[in-house]
PDB file of all heavy atoms in Angstrom:
ATOM      1  N   PRO A   1      20.587  10.788  10.937  1.00  0.00           N
ATOM      2  CA  PRO A   1      20.330  10.433  12.339  1.00  0.00           C
ATOM      3  C   PRO A   1      21.142  11.219  13.357  1.00  0.00           C
ATOM      4  O   PRO A   1      20.647  11.510  14.449  1.00  0.00           O
ATOM      5  CB  PRO A   1      20.684   8.933  12.377  1.00  0.00           C
ATOM      6  CG  PRO A   1      20.437   8.454  10.987  1.00  0.00           C
ATOM      7  CD  PRO A   1      20.825   9.605  10.093  1.00  0.00           C
ATOM      8  N   ASP A   2      22.402  11.561  13.025  1.00  0.00           N
ATOM      9  CA  ASP A   2      23.217  12.320  13.973  1.00  0.00           C
ATOM     10  C   ASP A   2      23.375  13.778  13.546  1.00  0.00           C
ATOM     11  O   ASP A   2      24.327  14.457  13.934  1.00  0.00           O
ATOM     12  CB  ASP A   2      24.597  11.683  14.127  1.00  0.00           C
ATOM     13  CG  ASP A   2      25.395  11.692  12.822  1.00  0.00           C
ATOM     14  OD1 ASP A   2      24.776  11.919  11.759  1.00  0.00           O
ATOM     15  OD2 ASP A   2      26.625  11.477  12.867  1.00  0.00           O
ATOM     16  N   GLY A   3      22.408  14.278  12.775  1.00  0.00           N
ATOM     17  CA  GLY A   3      22.452  15.653  12.295  1.00  0.00           C
ATOM     18  C   GLY A   3      21.877  16.640  13.291  1.00  0.00           C
ATOM     19  O   GLY A   3      21.702  16.336  14.485  1.00  0.00           O
ATOM     20  N   LEU A   4      21.566  17.821  12.796  1.00  0.00           N
ATOM     21  CA  LEU A   4      21.033  18.898  13.638  1.00  0.00           C
ATOM     22  C   LEU A   4      19.588  19.184  13.252  1.00  0.00           C
ATOM     23  O   LEU A   4      19.286  19.439  12.081  1.00  0.00           O
ATOM     24  CB  LEU A   4      21.869  20.171  13.474  1.00  0.00           C
ATOM     25  CG  LEU A   4      21.419  21.388  14.297  1.00  0.00           C
ATOM     26  CD1 LEU A   4      21.679  21.153  15.784  1.00  0.00           C
ATOM     27  CD2 LEU A   4      22.122  22.660  13.827  1.00  0.00           C
ATOM     28  N   GLY A   5      18.699  19.154  14.226  1.00  0.00           N
ATOM     29  CA  GLY A   5      17.302  19.512  14.021  1.00  0.00           C
ATOM     30  C   GLY A   5      16.949  20.763  14.806  1.00  0.00           C
ATOM     31  O   GLY A   5      17.727  21.224  15.649  1.00  0.00           O
ATOM     32  N   VAL A   6      15.781  21.313  14.532  1.00  0.00           N
ATOM     33  CA  VAL A   6      15.323  22.518  15.221  1.00  0.00           C
ATOM     34  C   VAL A   6      13.941  22.255  15.811  1.00  0.00           C
ATOM     35  O   VAL A   6      13.050  21.741  15.118  1.00  0.00           O
ATOM     36  CB  VAL A   6      15.264  23.737  14.276  1.00  0.00           C
ATOM     37  CG1 VAL A   6      14.825  24.980  15.053  1.00  0.00           C
ATOM     38  CG2 VAL A   6      16.609  23.977  13.602  1.00  0.00           C
ATOM     39  N   ILE A   7      13.773  22.584  17.078  1.00  0.00           N
ATOM     40  CA  ILE A   7      12.476  22.497  17.761  1.00  0.00           C
ATOM     41  C   ILE A   7      12.007  23.917  18.025  1.00  0.00           C
ATOM     42  O   ILE A   7      12.644  24.671  18.765  1.00  0.00           O
ATOM     43  CB  ILE A   7      12.595  21.728  19.089  1.00  0.00           C
ATOM     44  CG1 ILE A   7      13.085  20.296  18.845  1.00  0.00           C
ATOM     45  CG2 ILE A   7      11.260  21.722  19.829  1.00  0.00           C
ATOM     46  CD1 ILE A   7      13.369  19.519  20.122  1.00  0.00           C
ATOM     47  N   VAL A   8      10.907  24.302  17.402  1.00  0.00           N
ATOM     48  CA  VAL A   8      10.354  25.653  17.546  1.00  0.00           C
ATOM     49  C   VAL A   8       9.182  25.614  18.526  1.00  0.00           C
ATOM     50  O   VAL A   8       8.235  24.848  18.345  1.00  0.00           O
ATOM     51  CB  VAL A   8       9.891  26.202  16.181  1.00  0.00           C
ATOM     52  CG1 VAL A   8       9.005  27.428  16.359  1.00  0.00           C
ATOM     53  CG2 VAL A   8      11.094  26.541  15.312  1.00  0.00           C
ATOM     54  N   LEU A   9       9.261  26.433  19.567  1.00  0.00           N
ATOM     55  CA  LEU A   9       8.231  26.479  20.606  1.00  0.00           C
ATOM     56  C   LEU A   9       7.470  27.799  20.578  1.00  0.00           C
ATOM     57  O   LEU A   9       7.995  28.821  20.131  1.00  0.00           O
ATOM     58  CB  LEU A   9       8.871  26.303  21.981  1.00  0.00           C
ATOM     59  CG  LEU A   9       9.641  25.008  22.239  1.00  0.00           C
ATOM     60  CD1 LEU A   9      10.380  25.094  23.566  1.00  0.00           C
ATOM     61  CD2 LEU A   9       8.696  23.813  22.232  1.00  0.00           C
ATOM     62  N   ASP A  10       6.245  27.755  21.087  1.00  0.00           N
ATOM     63  CA  ASP A  10       5.485  28.978  21.384  1.00  0.00           C
ATOM     64  C   ASP A  10       5.603  29.220  22.878  1.00  0.00           C
ATOM     65  O   ASP A  10       5.117  28.426  23.680  1.00  0.00           O
ATOM     66  CB  ASP A  10       4.015  28.812  20.985  1.00  0.00           C
ATOM     67  CG  ASP A  10       3.137  29.930  21.531  1.00  0.00           C
ATOM     68  OD1 ASP A  10       3.632  31.071  21.649  1.00  0.00           O
ATOM     69  OD2 ASP A  10       1.961  29.658  21.844  1.00  0.00           O
ATOM     70  N   SER A  11       6.265  30.301  23.264  1.00  0.00           N
ATOM     71  CA  SER A  11       6.492  30.568  24.692  1.00  0.00           C
ATOM     72  C   SER A  11       5.650  31.728  25.207  1.00  0.00           C
ATOM     73  O   SER A  11       5.972  32.318  26.249  1.00  0.00           O
ATOM     74  CB  SER A  11       7.984  30.861  24.938  1.00  0.00           C
ATOM     75  OG  SER A  11       8.399  32.015  24.229  1.00  0.00           O
ATOM     76  N   ASN A  12       4.571  32.062  24.512  1.00  0.00           N
ATOM     77  CA  ASN A  12       3.754  33.212  24.908  1.00  0.00           C
ATOM     78  C   ASN A  12       2.608  32.791  25.828  1.00  0.00           C
ATOM     79  O   ASN A  12       1.864  31.860  25.508  1.00  0.00           O
ATOM     80  CB  ASN A  12       3.179  33.891  23.661  1.00  0.00           C
ATOM     81  CG  ASN A  12       4.258  34.491  22.795  1.00  0.00           C
ATOM     82  OD1 ASN A  12       4.812  35.539  23.111  1.00  0.00           O
ATOM     83  ND2 ASN A  12       4.587  33.812  21.703  1.00  0.00           N
ATOM     84  N   ALA A  13       2.485  33.472  26.954  1.00  0.00           N
ATOM     85  CA  ALA A  13       1.375  33.204  27.866  1.00  0.00           C
ATOM     86  C   ALA A  13       0.075  33.740  27.268  1.00  0.00           C
ATOM     87  O   ALA A  13       0.082  34.636  26.426  1.00  0.00           O
ATOM     88  CB  ALA A  13       1.640  33.849  29.223  1.00  0.00           C
ATOM     89  N   GLU A  14      -1.036  33.178  27.723  1.00  0.00           N
ATOM     90  CA  GLU A  14      -2.355  33.614  27.252  1.00  0.00           C
ATOM     91  C   GLU A  14      -2.743  34.872  28.025  1.00  0.00           C
ATOM     92  O   GLU A  14      -3.173  34.805  29.176  1.00  0.00           O
ATOM     93  CB  GLU A  14      -3.375  32.506  27.486  1.00  0.00           C
ATOM     94  CG  GLU A  14      -4.729  32.761  26.870  1.00  0.00           C
ATOM     95  CD  GLU A  14      -4.758  32.542  25.360  1.00  0.00           C
ATOM     96  OE1 GLU A  14      -3.800  31.968  24.819  1.00  0.00           O
ATOM     97  OE2 GLU A  14      -5.751  32.952  24.729  1.00  0.00           O
ATOM     98  N   THR A  15      -2.557  36.026  27.405  1.00  0.00           N
ATOM     99  CA  THR A  15      -2.919  37.288  28.054  1.00  0.00           C
ATOM    100  C   THR A  15      -3.873  38.058  27.148  1.00  0.00           C
ATOM    101  O   THR A  15      -3.931  37.841  25.949  1.00  0.00           O
ATOM    102  CB  THR A  15      -1.687  38.159  28.350  1.00  0.00           C
ATOM    103  OG1 THR A  15      -1.135  38.632  27.109  1.00  0.00           O
ATOM    104  CG2 THR A  15      -0.627  37.376  29.095  1.00  0.00           C
ATOM    105  N   HIS A  16      -4.620  38.975  27.751  1.00  0.00           N
ATOM    106  CA  HIS A  16      -5.600  39.773  27.006  1.00  0.00           C
ATOM    107  C   HIS A  16      -5.369  41.271  27.201  1.00  0.00           C
ATOM    108  O   HIS A  16      -6.224  42.076  26.877  1.00  0.00           O
ATOM    109  CB  HIS A  16      -7.022  39.421  27.471  1.00  0.00           C
ATOM    110  CG  HIS A  16      -7.349  37.970  27.375  1.00  0.00           C
ATOM    111  ND1 HIS A  16      -7.792  37.380  26.208  1.00  0.00           N
ATOM    112  CD2 HIS A  16      -7.266  36.970  28.288  1.00  0.00           C
ATOM    113  CE1 HIS A  16      -7.988  36.091  26.417  1.00  0.00           C
ATOM    114  NE2 HIS A  16      -7.681  35.821  27.666  1.00  0.00           N
ATOM    115  N   PHE A  17      -4.194  41.631  27.712  1.00  0.00           N
ATOM    116  CA  PHE A  17      -3.964  42.996  28.153  1.00  0.00           C
ATOM    117  C   PHE A  17      -2.591  43.429  27.655  1.00  0.00           C
ATOM    118  O   PHE A  17      -1.590  42.753  27.902  1.00  0.00           O
ATOM    119  CB  PHE A  17      -4.018  43.017  29.687  1.00  0.00           C
ATOM    120  CG  PHE A  17      -4.189  44.367  30.310  1.00  0.00           C
ATOM    121  CD1 PHE A  17      -4.578  45.475  29.571  1.00  0.00           C
ATOM    122  CD2 PHE A  17      -3.967  44.539  31.670  1.00  0.00           C
ATOM    123  CE1 PHE A  17      -4.736  46.716  30.173  1.00  0.00           C
ATOM    124  CE2 PHE A  17      -4.126  45.762  32.284  1.00  0.00           C
ATOM    125  CZ  PHE A  17      -4.511  46.863  31.530  1.00  0.00           C
ATOM    126  N   SER A  18      -2.497  44.539  26.934  1.00  0.00           N
ATOM    127  CA  SER A  18      -1.220  44.983  26.381  1.00  0.00           C
ATOM    128  C   SER A  18      -0.158  45.162  27.463  1.00  0.00           C
ATOM    129  O   SER A  18       1.023  44.876  27.248  1.00  0.00           O
ATOM    130  CB  SER A  18      -1.396  46.306  25.624  1.00  0.00           C
ATOM    131  OG  SER A  18      -1.901  46.093  24.332  1.00  0.00           O
ATOM    132  N   PHE A  19      -0.571  45.630  28.644  1.00  0.00           N
ATOM    133  CA  PHE A  19       0.398  45.940  29.703  1.00  0.00           C
ATOM    134  C   PHE A  19       1.082  44.677  30.235  1.00  0.00           C
ATOM    135  O   PHE A  19       2.164  44.741  30.787  1.00  0.00           O
ATOM    136  CB  PHE A  19      -0.295  46.685  30.842  1.00  0.00           C
ATOM    137  CG  PHE A  19       0.657  47.452  31.723  1.00  0.00           C
ATOM    138  CD1 PHE A  19       1.389  48.514  31.210  1.00  0.00           C
ATOM    139  CD2 PHE A  19       0.819  47.118  33.054  1.00  0.00           C
ATOM    140  CE1 PHE A  19       2.275  49.224  32.021  1.00  0.00           C
ATOM    141  CE2 PHE A  19       1.686  47.827  33.869  1.00  0.00           C
ATOM    142  CZ  PHE A  19       2.418  48.889  33.344  1.00  0.00           C
ATOM    143  N   THR A  20       0.432  43.500  30.058  1.00  0.00           N
ATOM    144  CA  THR A  20       1.012  42.241  30.537  1.00  0.00           C
ATOM    145  C   THR A  20       1.427  41.345  29.374  1.00  0.00           C
ATOM    146  O   THR A  20       1.548  40.129  29.541  1.00  0.00           O
ATOM    147  CB  THR A  20      -0.005  41.493  31.419  1.00  0.00           C
ATOM    148  OG1 THR A  20      -1.194  41.254  30.660  1.00  0.00           O
ATOM    149  CG2 THR A  20      -0.355  42.297  32.656  1.00  0.00           C
ATOM    150  N   ASN A  21       1.678  41.941  28.216  1.00  0.00           N
ATOM    151  CA  ASN A  21       1.920  41.138  27.016  1.00  0.00           C
ATOM    152  C   ASN A  21       3.219  40.342  27.069  1.00  0.00           C
ATOM    153  O   ASN A  21       3.385  39.383  26.326  1.00  0.00           O
ATOM    154  CB  ASN A  21       1.918  42.030  25.772  1.00  0.00           C
ATOM    155  CG  ASN A  21       3.180  42.860  25.642  1.00  0.00           C
ATOM    156  OD1 ASN A  21       4.219  42.417  25.177  1.00  0.00           O
ATOM    157  ND2 ASN A  21       3.088  44.120  26.079  1.00  0.00           N
ATOM    158  N   ALA A  22       4.165  40.725  27.922  1.00  0.00           N
ATOM    159  CA  ALA A  22       5.512  40.145  27.866  1.00  0.00           C
ATOM    160  C   ALA A  22       5.640  38.816  28.591  1.00  0.00           C
ATOM    161  O   ALA A  22       6.675  38.157  28.484  1.00  0.00           O
ATOM    162  CB  ALA A  22       6.524  41.135  28.438  1.00  0.00           C
ATOM    163  N   LEU A  23       4.640  38.395  29.349  1.00  0.00           N
ATOM    164  CA  LEU A  23       4.754  37.156  30.116  1.00  0.00           C
ATOM    165  C   LEU A  23       4.874  35.946  29.189  1.00  0.00           C
ATOM    166  O   LEU A  23       4.272  35.899  28.128  1.00  0.00           O
ATOM    167  CB  LEU A  23       3.542  36.979  31.028  1.00  0.00           C
ATOM    168  CG  LEU A  23       3.448  37.928  32.221  1.00  0.00           C
ATOM    169  CD1 LEU A  23       2.113  37.749  32.931  1.00  0.00           C
ATOM    170  CD2 LEU A  23       4.599  37.709  33.191  1.00  0.00           C
ATOM    171  N   GLY A  24       5.654  34.949  29.632  1.00  0.00           N
ATOM    172  CA  GLY A  24       5.873  33.758  28.819  1.00  0.00           C
ATOM    173  C   GLY A  24       5.535  32.485  29.564  1.00  0.00           C
ATOM    174  O   GLY A  24       5.515  32.438  30.797  1.00  0.00           O
ATOM    175  N   MET A  25       5.253  31.413  28.797  1.00  0.00           N
ATOM    176  CA  MET A  25       4.932  30.113  29.362  1.00  0.00           C
ATOM    177  C   MET A  25       5.114  29.051  28.285  1.00  0.00           C
ATOM    178  O   MET A  25       4.754  29.279  27.131  1.00  0.00           O
ATOM    179  CB  MET A  25       3.490  30.076  29.864  1.00  0.00           C
ATOM    180  CG  MET A  25       3.110  28.798  30.586  1.00  0.00           C
ATOM    181  SD  MET A  25       1.310  28.617  30.735  1.00  0.00           S
ATOM    182  CE  MET A  25       0.956  27.632  29.291  1.00  0.00           C
ATOM    183  N   VAL A  26       5.688  27.906  28.628  1.00  0.00           N
ATOM    184  CA  VAL A  26       5.755  26.752  27.733  1.00  0.00           C
ATOM    185  C   VAL A  26       4.854  25.677  28.304  1.00  0.00           C
ATOM    186  O   VAL A  26       5.018  25.270  29.462  1.00  0.00           O
ATOM    187  CB  VAL A  26       7.189  26.226  27.579  1.00  0.00           C
ATOM    188  CG1 VAL A  26       7.201  24.963  26.721  1.00  0.00           C
ATOM    189  CG2 VAL A  26       8.089  27.277  26.936  1.00  0.00           C
TER     190      VAL A  26
END
């Protein structure tokens, strides 16, 4: 109960263009 857990998120925005690939969103 008082241990350490990990929450893994996907922070990638929905893009369709290589030039804008770096944008992020949660």
